[in-house]
Every structure is written in structure tokens, then in C-alpha cells.
């Protein structure tokens, strides 16, 4: 199929892009296009205008400092995945991004675009939610920061207003004494996961002080469950808060089974990672 007719604008300044979004109720932002273009071709989306932001300056950055990693709106998945500094500051980024589609898609798709597309079957929205990150958005009315906990409103629905442009995502650094892990099950590597699980574990010596688990392709929005007080049965605690979806790819029962298998496995790997990092910084 072919997309429905639309106007096209390629602004060269952020101000021009924001003015276009403010002036056209039915406008959509085009960055990497790896999610939007298929929807256009199938006529599941029919915007009145595409605002192509690939000509905007200073939005393709991956900035790292002790507080975390800041990723600009035009930074491609491959750029983030290839950043050794980003992997050092927040290892979960590389762990999850290595499962995002295929190299061709990662070379074009943008990490921020994937997040605000708000697909619960995608890895990066869940990673942002688990790490308690945020997205900075801009409009003609100014800028604001949306915490990840307030970003995802429903299936493929974020809390950005129609005239707002996501300009940067922030992923907090991995604290000392903390560890992460990620695994997913897909029919083929690069396909959307049937279920994906990430864990963030914080420790103090041998004691786990906080443990949180995030899930991909289980519910309509990215879901994170705190299992700190259920370390003996984390999958049971997780399933008590999840409502696994059923679709053409998997039954709800099979997704629940994968949650039961992956949750303790990933949690154990994150705990091992935390303790390994703690040993590295402990005095001899």
C-alpha cells in the first residue's frame, strides 16, 4: 500500500519545527521513521503533515557524565550501542539495545523516537521506565521534563501533547553497588520479543536493598514491579501485578510462563552483576 497524501516540511531550526507542530494539529514528527513509515504505508496512520527533524542541529548527541547518559532526539540506536562510555555509565543501555531489531534498523532508528512511540513490545521504553529516567520535550510554550513513570499513557500512546517534540532522553547512571541484566525470548533474533525482562538490583554488601524488574511485550504499557520483599518468589510477585496479553504471537498463558522462567533468572544475573561490581571497588 501507499501512504495517504500528506504535506512535508524539513525545518532547519528547532523553532521552525515547533512552530509547524503548533500550527498543524495533525502533524507527525519524522526522525528515524522505522516505526512511523510502516504505519503510513499500511494507512494505520494518516498525518496531515510530516515534520522531518533530521535537518535540526545538535540533536544527535550521546552525552555521558557521572549522573547518567543524555541521548539526543536524532541519536541512532547504533550510535548509542557503539558508545563505550554510555555502556560504562549505564550498562543496561547496551544490553537492551543489542536486542533491538537488526543492524539496518539500528543504523536508522532513533532511541528517543522508539521511547515516545510508546510501544510496550519495544525494549527502550521499558528500560527508561525501569531506570526511572525522563524525556525532555519542547514546544512553542517552552520546555518540560516528563518522568518515565508519567510518559506512557496506553498502547502506542504517550503523554506528549500534539505540539511537543521530544528532544532528549535521560538515563540515570548505575549506582555503586547496583547491577543490571536483560534477557528476552523472540522467535528470531531481532524480532519483537514474546517476553523480555530486565532487572535492576541494588545491594549493600551481601544484602539486596532494592530489586525492580521491568517487562517487555507483557502488557499494553511498560510495566515495572518492585520485588524487593519477594526475592524468594519474584515471578509470583510480578504476575500478581501483570496482566499478560494474548495476541497472534503468544497466548497469555505462554507469556505468563515466560515471565515465571525469566524473572528469577534475570534477577539472579543482576544480583551477580551488582556483587561483582562491588568486589571491583572494594579494597584488597
Protein backbone atom coordinates (compact mmCIF):
# COMPACT_ATOMS: atom_id res chain seq x y z
CA UNK A 1 0.00 0.00 0.00
CA UNK A 2 0.95 3.63 -0.28
CA UNK A 3 0.60 6.31 2.40
CA UNK A 4 -2.31 8.72 2.29
CA UNK A 5 -1.35 12.18 0.97
CA UNK A 6 0.43 14.49 3.43
CA UNK A 7 2.36 17.74 3.46
CA UNK A 8 6.10 17.55 4.11
CA UNK A 9 8.34 20.00 5.94
CA UNK A 10 12.05 19.68 6.70
CA UNK A 11 12.84 22.54 9.11
CA UNK A 12 16.41 23.65 9.73
CA UNK A 13 15.86 25.12 13.19
CA UNK A 14 14.13 23.84 16.30
CA UNK A 15 11.98 26.96 16.40
CA UNK A 16 10.71 26.29 12.87
CA UNK A 17 9.88 22.70 13.77
CA UNK A 18 7.98 23.70 16.91
CA UNK A 19 6.04 26.36 15.03
CA UNK A 20 4.99 23.77 12.45
CA UNK A 21 3.81 21.34 15.12
CA UNK A 22 1.88 24.12 16.85
CA UNK A 23 0.25 25.22 13.62
CA UNK A 24 -0.81 21.80 12.33
CA UNK A 25 -2.97 19.68 14.63
CA UNK A 26 -2.47 16.55 12.54
CA UNK A 27 1.31 16.79 12.14
CA UNK A 28 3.66 13.92 12.98
CA UNK A 29 7.39 14.05 13.67
CA UNK A 30 9.69 12.03 11.40
CA UNK A 31 13.10 11.14 12.85
CA UNK A 32 14.32 7.60 12.19
CA UNK A 33 10.99 6.58 10.71
CA UNK A 34 11.41 2.86 11.47
CA UNK A 35 8.09 2.74 13.32
CA UNK A 36 6.21 5.56 11.59
CA UNK A 37 6.88 4.75 7.93
CA UNK A 38 5.37 1.23 8.09
CA UNK A 39 2.30 2.67 9.79
CA UNK A 40 2.00 5.24 7.00
CA UNK A 41 2.36 2.58 4.31
CA UNK A 42 -0.38 0.46 5.89
CA UNK A 43 -2.52 3.58 6.41
CA UNK A 44 -2.69 2.90 10.12
CA UNK A 45 -1.51 6.50 10.50
CA UNK A 46 -2.55 9.35 8.23
CA UNK A 47 -0.99 12.63 9.40
CA UNK A 48 -1.77 15.84 7.58
CA UNK A 49 1.92 16.78 7.68
CA UNK A 50 5.27 15.14 8.35
CA UNK A 51 7.77 17.36 10.13
CA UNK A 52 11.14 15.82 9.26
CA UNK A 53 13.52 16.83 12.06
CA UNK A 54 16.64 15.23 10.57
CA UNK A 55 17.90 18.64 9.50
CA UNK A 56 17.91 20.07 13.03
CA UNK A 57 21.32 20.73 14.57
CA UNK A 58 22.68 19.47 17.91
CA UNK A 59 20.18 16.64 18.45
CA UNK A 60 22.34 13.62 17.57
CA UNK A 61 24.39 13.57 20.76
CA UNK A 62 25.18 10.91 23.36
CA UNK A 63 26.47 12.82 26.39
CA UNK A 64 27.76 10.95 29.44
CA UNK A 65 28.69 12.22 32.88
CA UNK A 66 28.60 10.75 36.40
CA UNK A 67 24.86 11.47 36.67
CA UNK A 68 23.89 9.45 33.61
CA UNK A 69 23.52 9.35 29.83
CA UNK A 70 21.72 12.01 27.81
CA UNK A 71 20.61 10.94 24.34
CA UNK A 72 19.51 13.46 21.73
CA UNK A 73 16.45 13.01 19.56
CA UNK A 74 18.46 12.18 16.44
CA UNK A 75 20.96 9.78 18.01
CA UNK A 76 20.57 6.43 16.25
CA UNK A 77 20.38 3.16 18.16
CA UNK A 78 23.72 2.15 16.62
CA UNK A 79 25.36 5.34 17.91
CA UNK A 80 24.19 4.67 21.46
CA UNK A 81 25.05 0.97 21.27
CA UNK A 82 28.53 1.82 19.99
CA UNK A 83 29.28 4.25 22.82
CA UNK A 84 31.68 2.56 25.24
CA UNK A 85 31.23 5.48 27.65
CA UNK A 86 27.44 5.06 27.68
CA UNK A 87 27.84 1.33 28.34
CA UNK A 88 30.15 2.11 31.24
CA UNK A 89 27.86 4.71 32.82
CA UNK A 90 24.67 2.69 32.32
CA UNK A 91 25.30 -0.91 31.15
CA UNK A 92 21.62 -1.70 30.63
CA UNK A 93 21.58 0.50 27.53
CA UNK A 94 23.91 -1.76 25.58
CA UNK A 95 22.35 -4.94 26.99
CA UNK A 96 18.90 -3.92 25.73
CA UNK A 97 19.92 -2.20 22.50
CA UNK A 98 21.68 -5.31 21.27
CA UNK A 99 18.21 -6.89 21.06
CA UNK A 100 16.61 -4.02 19.12
CA UNK A 101 15.72 -5.27 15.64
CA UNK A 102 18.62 -5.72 13.20
CA UNK A 103 21.69 -3.60 12.33
CA UNK A 104 19.94 -1.96 9.39
CA UNK A 105 17.12 -0.80 11.64
CA UNK A 106 19.51 0.27 14.42
CA UNK A 107 21.51 2.33 11.92
CA UNK A 108 18.45 4.44 11.15
CA UNK A 109 16.07 4.17 14.11
CA UNK A 110 16.41 6.63 16.97
CA UNK A 111 16.38 5.72 20.65
CA UNK A 112 14.27 8.72 21.66
CA UNK A 113 11.84 8.05 18.81
CA UNK A 114 11.41 4.47 19.99
CA UNK A 115 10.68 5.69 23.51
CA UNK A 116 7.99 8.22 22.59
CA UNK A 117 6.44 5.79 20.09
CA UNK A 118 5.44 4.06 23.35
CA UNK A 119 5.32 0.51 22.05
CA UNK A 120 5.29 -1.87 25.02
CA UNK A 121 6.84 -4.52 22.75
CA UNK A 122 9.95 -2.35 22.33
CA UNK A 123 12.92 -2.52 24.65
CA UNK A 124 13.81 1.12 25.23
CA UNK A 125 10.53 2.39 26.71
CA UNK A 126 10.80 -0.29 29.40
CA UNK A 127 14.49 0.49 30.03
CA UNK A 128 13.69 4.16 30.60
CA UNK A 129 10.85 3.18 32.94
CA UNK A 130 12.98 0.72 34.93
CA UNK A 131 15.85 3.18 35.34
CA UNK A 132 13.44 5.97 36.36
CA UNK A 133 14.68 8.20 33.58
CA UNK A 134 12.92 11.05 31.83
CA UNK A 135 12.30 12.75 28.50
CA UNK A 136 12.74 16.46 27.82
CA UNK A 137 10.18 17.90 25.40
CA UNK A 138 9.90 21.29 23.74
CA UNK A 139 7.08 23.31 22.23
CA UNK A 140 6.37 26.94 21.42
CA UNK A 141 5.15 27.16 25.03
CA UNK A 142 8.56 26.21 26.43
CA UNK A 143 10.25 23.07 27.73
CA UNK A 144 9.32 20.48 30.32
CA UNK A 145 10.65 17.19 31.65
CA UNK A 146 8.39 14.15 31.74
CA UNK A 147 9.42 11.40 34.20
CA UNK A 148 9.23 7.93 32.68
CA UNK A 149 6.54 6.97 35.21
CA UNK A 150 4.28 9.64 33.65
CA UNK A 151 5.22 9.15 29.99
CA UNK A 152 3.26 6.09 28.85
CA UNK A 153 -0.50 6.57 28.70
CA UNK A 154 -1.60 3.48 26.75
CA UNK A 155 -0.81 1.30 23.75
CA UNK A 156 1.30 3.43 21.38
CA UNK A 157 0.23 6.49 23.37
CA UNK A 158 2.47 8.88 25.27
CA UNK A 159 1.62 11.96 27.31
CA UNK A 160 3.32 14.34 24.87
CA UNK A 161 0.97 17.00 23.55
CA UNK A 162 0.47 17.13 19.78
CA UNK A 163 2.70 20.20 19.50
CA UNK A 164 5.58 18.85 21.60
CA UNK A 165 8.84 17.45 20.30
CA UNK A 166 10.95 15.05 22.39
CA UNK A 167 14.46 16.49 22.27
CA UNK A 168 16.38 14.35 24.76
CA UNK A 169 16.11 11.27 26.97
CA UNK A 170 17.99 10.90 30.25
CA UNK A 171 19.05 7.53 31.65
CA UNK A 172 20.45 7.72 35.21
CA UNK A 173 23.86 6.19 35.84
CA UNK A 174 24.10 2.81 37.51
CA UNK A 175 24.77 3.47 41.22
CA UNK A 176 27.66 1.91 43.07
CA UNK A 177 26.65 -1.49 44.42
CA UNK A 178 23.97 -1.94 41.76
CA UNK A 179 23.71 -4.37 38.87
CA UNK A 180 21.56 -4.92 35.81
CA UNK A 181 20.65 -7.77 33.47
CA UNK A 182 18.43 -8.28 30.45
CA UNK A 183 17.05 -11.28 28.55
CA UNK A 184 14.27 -11.76 26.05
CA UNK A 185 12.66 -14.59 24.11
CA UNK A 186 11.83 -13.97 20.44
CA UNK A 187 11.04 -16.30 17.56
CA UNK A 188 14.13 -14.99 15.76
CA UNK A 189 16.83 -12.63 16.98
CA UNK A 190 15.74 -9.14 16.04
CA UNK A 191 12.01 -9.89 16.07
CA UNK A 192 9.83 -8.25 18.67
CA UNK A 193 10.15 -10.15 21.92
CA UNK A 194 7.45 -12.55 23.02
CA UNK A 195 8.59 -11.52 26.51
CA UNK A 196 11.59 -9.50 27.63
CA UNK A 197 12.75 -8.97 31.21
CA UNK A 198 15.25 -6.51 32.69
CA UNK A 199 16.29 -6.23 36.32
CA UNK A 200 17.92 -3.53 38.42
CA UNK A 201 19.29 -4.69 41.76
CA UNK A 202 20.89 -2.53 44.45
CA UNK A 203 23.00 -4.10 47.20
CA UNK A 204 24.73 -3.20 50.44
CA UNK A 205 27.36 -5.86 51.00
CA UNK A 206 25.62 -9.20 50.56
CA UNK A 207 22.17 -7.73 51.24
CA UNK A 208 19.82 -6.80 48.40
CA UNK A 209 18.32 -3.45 49.39
CA UNK A 210 16.19 -2.87 46.31
CA UNK A 211 15.15 -5.04 43.37
CA UNK A 212 12.97 -3.97 40.46
CA UNK A 213 12.03 -5.86 37.30
CA UNK A 214 10.71 -4.45 34.01
CA UNK A 215 8.79 -6.32 31.33
CA UNK A 216 8.62 -6.07 27.53
CA UNK A 217 5.68 -7.41 25.49
CA UNK A 218 3.64 -8.44 28.50
CA UNK A 219 1.18 -5.58 28.98
CA UNK A 220 -0.10 -2.64 26.92
CA UNK A 221 2.40 -0.28 28.54
CA UNK A 222 5.88 -0.80 30.00
CA UNK A 223 5.45 -2.27 33.48
CA UNK A 224 7.96 -2.29 36.34
CA UNK A 225 7.43 -4.34 39.50
CA UNK A 226 9.28 -3.87 42.78
CA UNK A 227 10.19 -7.33 44.09
CA UNK A 228 12.47 -6.24 46.94
CA UNK A 229 10.33 -8.01 49.52
CA UNK A 230 9.61 -11.05 47.37
CA UNK A 231 13.08 -12.27 46.45
CA UNK A 232 12.13 -15.83 47.32
CA UNK A 233 9.29 -15.79 44.75
CA UNK A 234 9.81 -12.83 42.41
CA UNK A 235 7.86 -14.29 39.48
CA UNK A 236 4.80 -14.81 41.68
CA UNK A 237 5.02 -11.21 42.87
CA UNK A 238 5.42 -9.97 39.31
CA UNK A 239 2.50 -11.96 37.93
CA UNK A 240 0.29 -10.60 40.71
CA UNK A 241 0.72 -7.15 39.14
CA UNK A 242 0.80 -8.16 35.47
CA UNK A 243 -1.99 -9.00 33.06
CA UNK A 244 -0.19 -10.84 30.24
CA UNK A 245 -1.63 -10.05 26.83
CA UNK A 246 -2.75 -12.59 24.25
CA UNK A 247 -2.25 -11.98 20.53
CA UNK A 248 -1.31 -13.82 17.33
CA UNK A 249 2.24 -14.30 18.61
CA UNK A 250 1.62 -15.90 22.01
CA UNK A 251 -1.12 -16.87 24.41
CA UNK A 252 -1.46 -15.13 27.77
CA UNK A 253 -0.58 -18.42 29.47
CA UNK A 254 2.65 -18.76 27.50
CA UNK A 255 3.64 -15.19 28.31
CA UNK A 256 2.95 -15.88 31.99
CA UNK A 257 5.16 -18.97 31.73
CA UNK A 258 8.00 -16.92 30.20
CA UNK A 259 7.64 -14.36 32.98
CA UNK A 260 7.93 -17.19 35.51
CA UNK A 261 11.09 -18.53 33.85
CA UNK A 262 12.88 -15.29 33.01
CA UNK A 263 12.17 -13.22 36.12
CA UNK A 264 14.25 -15.21 38.65
CA UNK A 265 16.93 -15.87 36.03
CA UNK A 266 17.41 -12.19 35.17
CA UNK A 267 17.12 -11.12 38.79
CA UNK A 268 19.90 -13.55 39.74
CA UNK A 269 22.10 -12.25 36.91
CA UNK A 270 21.57 -8.64 38.01
CA UNK A 271 22.41 -9.58 41.61
CA UNK A 272 25.62 -11.27 40.46
CA UNK A 273 26.48 -8.17 38.42
CA UNK A 274 25.93 -5.93 41.45
CA UNK A 275 28.14 -8.05 43.68
CA UNK A 276 30.82 -8.31 41.01
CA UNK A 277 30.92 -4.52 40.67
CA UNK A 278 31.09 -4.17 44.45
CA UNK A 279 34.08 -6.51 44.62
CA UNK A 280 35.86 -4.48 41.93
CA UNK A 281 35.78 -1.32 44.05
CA UNK A 282 36.36 -2.97 47.44
CA UNK A 283 39.84 -2.51 48.92
CA UNK A 284 42.07 -5.56 48.75
